Amino acid sequence: MKTIKSILFTVIFTTISLQLSAQKNYSVVEAKSTFEVAGTSTVHDWVMRSTEGTGIANLTVKESKLAGINSLSISILAESLKSSKTSMDRVAYEALDTEKNKNIEYVLKSAEKINETTWILTGTYTIAGVSKEYQTQVKITANNGTFMLQGSNQITFGDFEMAPPKAALGVVKTGKDLTVIFNIILS
């Protein structure tokens, strides 16, 4: 009888522990997640946006709180990034060489929890066919089983072997510095 109670207790305890701490796959919620690239030019500041990112993450959740980021990969169709001007979009797509490099991608290498809402993610961006590793401080909030990741990176065209775009016969020149901004919702 003692053995049966012991086994029963172990099964119940294990089941409860698994429910309190579980790894689960999450997907990027399209249309609610946003991806932006912001920069400057000799004429004005500019922003290109997309809500068409796709991706998957494997997270460890304990008691409805994020305890671990085991994997994260995101892909954005490069030509889904749009500004308010189609002429600017064309120049950007040329710089990205979207005929050869259809997607902009991010793959997580490691994640370090700083506190309940702040993480440092180390991962590889692949832009215009060139890959480069960055560390990113990310704010993460939980809401009814979904997680929002907010962060940004400072990059340059040169980091990805691209020349800053020019327009109007070189009169309008893009600055070399860019900011990649993301608000990703995982559900």
Protein backbone atom coordinates (compact mmCIF):
# COMPACT_ATOMS: atom_id res chain seq x y z
CA MET A 1 0.00 0.00 0.00
CA LYS A 2 2.85 2.36 0.86
CA THR A 3 4.39 1.73 -2.60
CA ILE A 4 1.12 2.56 -4.38
CA LYS A 5 0.78 5.81 -2.44
CA SER A 6 4.39 6.67 -3.22
CA ILE A 7 3.92 6.01 -6.94
CA LEU A 8 0.64 7.94 -6.98
CA PHE A 9 2.27 10.89 -5.20
CA THR A 10 5.18 10.87 -7.68
CA VAL A 11 2.82 10.83 -10.69
CA ILE A 12 0.70 13.68 -9.30
CA PHE A 13 3.76 15.75 -8.32
CA THR A 14 5.37 15.21 -11.75
CA THR A 15 2.16 16.17 -13.55
CA ILE A 16 1.79 19.37 -11.51
CA SER A 17 5.49 20.25 -12.03
CA LEU A 18 5.16 19.77 -15.79
CA GLN A 19 2.10 22.01 -15.86
CA LEU A 20 3.91 24.73 -13.89
CA SER A 21 7.07 24.55 -16.02
CA ALA A 22 6.68 23.57 -19.63
CA GLN A 23 8.39 24.13 -22.94
CA LYS A 24 6.00 25.19 -25.63
CA ASN A 25 6.20 26.37 -29.22
CA TYR A 26 4.83 29.82 -30.01
CA SER A 27 4.26 31.49 -33.37
CA VAL A 28 4.67 35.11 -34.43
CA VAL A 29 1.24 36.74 -34.65
CA GLU A 30 1.18 38.37 -38.08
CA ALA A 31 -0.55 41.73 -38.50
CA LYS A 32 -0.03 42.44 -34.77
CA SER A 33 3.76 42.12 -34.84
CA THR A 34 5.67 45.02 -36.40
CA PHE A 35 9.13 45.27 -37.89
CA GLU A 36 10.73 48.60 -38.82
CA VAL A 37 13.92 49.94 -40.29
CA ALA A 38 14.57 53.64 -39.62
CA GLY A 39 17.24 55.88 -41.07
CA THR A 40 18.15 59.32 -42.30
CA SER A 41 18.88 60.97 -45.62
CA THR A 42 20.04 64.36 -46.82
CA VAL A 43 16.36 65.29 -47.25
CA HIS A 44 14.46 63.69 -44.33
CA ASP A 45 14.31 60.87 -41.80
CA TRP A 46 12.54 57.77 -43.04
CA VAL A 47 10.94 54.54 -41.80
CA MET A 48 10.03 51.32 -43.60
CA ARG A 49 7.51 49.01 -41.87
CA SER A 50 6.20 45.48 -42.21
CA THR A 51 3.62 43.42 -40.35
CA GLU A 52 4.31 40.31 -42.40
CA GLY A 53 6.96 38.60 -40.30
CA THR A 54 6.66 34.90 -39.61
CA GLY A 55 8.48 32.81 -37.09
CA ILE A 56 8.50 30.35 -34.27
CA ALA A 57 9.86 30.31 -30.74
CA ASN A 58 10.28 27.60 -28.15
CA LEU A 59 9.81 29.06 -24.67
CA THR A 60 9.96 27.65 -21.17
CA VAL A 61 7.11 29.06 -19.10
CA LYS A 62 6.82 28.65 -15.33
CA GLU A 63 3.67 29.80 -13.57
CA SER A 64 2.69 31.97 -16.58
CA LYS A 65 6.10 33.72 -16.55
CA LEU A 66 8.85 33.40 -19.12
CA ALA A 67 11.66 31.30 -17.67
CA GLY A 68 13.64 30.50 -20.82
CA ILE A 69 13.93 31.28 -24.51
CA ASN A 70 15.16 28.05 -26.07
CA SER A 71 14.87 29.05 -29.72
CA LEU A 72 13.57 31.91 -31.84
CA SER A 73 13.65 32.36 -35.59
CA ILE A 74 11.98 35.15 -37.56
CA SER A 75 11.69 35.69 -41.31
CA ILE A 76 10.42 38.81 -43.07
CA LEU A 77 9.86 39.06 -46.79
CA ALA A 78 12.23 41.94 -47.64
CA GLU A 79 9.79 43.52 -50.08
CA SER A 80 7.08 43.61 -47.41
CA LEU A 81 8.99 46.54 -45.86
CA LYS A 82 7.24 49.67 -47.14
CA SER A 83 7.76 53.38 -46.70
CA SER A 84 5.41 56.17 -47.70
CA LYS A 85 7.16 56.45 -51.10
CA THR A 86 7.36 53.70 -53.71
CA SER A 87 10.46 55.30 -55.25
CA MET A 88 12.23 54.94 -51.91
CA ASP A 89 11.06 51.33 -51.63
CA ARG A 90 12.57 50.53 -55.05
CA VAL A 91 15.95 52.00 -54.05
CA ALA A 92 15.85 50.06 -50.76
CA TYR A 93 15.04 46.78 -52.54
CA GLU A 94 17.98 47.37 -54.89
CA ALA A 95 20.29 47.86 -51.90
CA LEU A 96 18.89 44.69 -50.30
CA ASP A 97 19.24 42.87 -53.65
CA THR A 98 15.79 41.37 -53.15
CA GLU A 99 15.96 39.49 -56.44
CA LYS A 100 18.59 37.22 -54.85
CA ASN A 101 17.78 37.71 -51.16
CA LYS A 102 14.04 37.44 -50.67
CA ASN A 103 14.05 37.38 -46.85
CA ILE A 104 15.51 39.14 -43.87
CA GLU A 105 16.08 36.61 -41.11
CA TYR A 106 16.93 36.40 -37.43
CA VAL A 107 18.02 33.26 -35.57
CA LEU A 108 18.60 33.23 -31.81
CA LYS A 109 21.86 31.78 -30.49
CA SER A 110 21.39 32.41 -26.76
CA ALA A 111 19.19 34.25 -24.28
CA GLU A 112 20.11 35.61 -20.87
CA LYS A 113 17.49 36.72 -18.37
CA ILE A 114 18.43 39.97 -16.61
CA ASN A 115 15.18 40.38 -14.64
CA GLU A 116 11.46 39.59 -15.01
CA THR A 117 11.05 41.84 -18.06
CA THR A 118 14.54 42.31 -19.51
CA TRP A 119 16.53 39.79 -21.52
CA ILE A 120 19.73 39.96 -23.57
CA LEU A 121 19.34 38.02 -26.82
CA THR A 122 22.33 37.06 -28.92
CA GLY A 123 21.41 36.15 -32.46
CA THR A 124 22.29 36.36 -36.11
CA TYR A 125 20.63 38.74 -38.56
CA THR A 126 20.88 37.80 -42.24
CA ILE A 127 20.27 40.83 -44.45
CA ALA A 128 21.08 41.06 -48.17
CA GLY A 129 22.63 37.60 -47.94
CA VAL A 130 25.17 38.60 -45.26
CA SER A 131 24.98 37.32 -41.68
CA LYS A 132 26.11 39.19 -38.58
CA GLU A 133 25.69 38.48 -34.88
CA TYR A 134 24.26 41.10 -32.50
CA GLN A 135 23.30 41.35 -28.86
CA THR A 136 19.90 42.91 -28.26
CA GLN A 137 18.32 44.09 -25.03
CA VAL A 138 14.69 43.06 -25.19
CA LYS A 139 11.72 43.99 -23.00
CA ILE A 140 9.34 41.05 -22.63
CA THR A 141 5.81 41.29 -21.27
CA ALA A 142 3.37 38.45 -20.70
CA ASN A 143 -0.37 38.80 -21.24
CA ASN A 144 -2.85 35.90 -21.04
CA GLY A 145 -0.51 33.27 -22.50
CA THR A 146 1.06 35.53 -25.13
CA PHE A 147 4.43 37.25 -24.96
CA MET A 148 5.48 40.58 -26.48
CA LEU A 149 9.16 41.14 -27.31
CA GLN A 150 10.20 44.75 -27.89
CA GLY A 151 13.69 45.85 -28.85
CA SER A 152 15.97 47.47 -31.38
CA ASN A 153 19.47 47.27 -32.84
CA GLN A 154 21.76 49.91 -34.28
CA ILE A 155 23.29 48.61 -37.52
CA THR A 156 24.95 50.09 -40.59
CA PHE A 157 24.67 49.37 -44.29
CA GLY A 158 28.37 48.43 -44.18
CA ASP A 159 27.69 45.71 -41.59
CA PHE A 160 25.86 43.83 -44.33
CA GLU A 161 28.13 44.84 -47.21
CA MET A 162 25.56 47.22 -48.70
CA ALA A 163 26.21 50.69 -50.04
CA PRO A 164 23.85 53.34 -48.62
CA PRO A 165 21.20 53.99 -51.30
CA LYS A 166 21.19 57.18 -53.36
CA ALA A 167 18.42 58.76 -55.42
CA ALA A 168 17.88 61.71 -57.75
CA LEU A 169 21.25 61.19 -59.46
CA GLY A 170 23.05 61.05 -56.11
CA VAL A 171 21.59 64.29 -54.74
CA VAL A 172 19.60 62.42 -52.09
CA LYS A 173 21.88 60.20 -50.00
CA THR A 174 20.93 57.84 -47.22
CA GLY A 175 22.86 58.00 -43.95
CA LYS A 176 25.01 54.97 -43.13
CA ASP A 177 23.33 54.25 -39.76
CA LEU A 178 20.08 52.32 -39.38
CA THR A 179 17.87 51.25 -36.51
CA VAL A 180 16.04 47.92 -36.65
CA ILE A 181 12.97 48.06 -34.36
CA PHE A 182 10.67 45.16 -33.54
CA ASN A 183 7.51 44.50 -31.55
CA ILE A 184 6.90 40.78 -31.79
CA ILE A 185 3.85 39.06 -30.36
CA LEU A 186 4.20 35.32 -29.74
CA SER A 187 1.10 33.23 -29.17
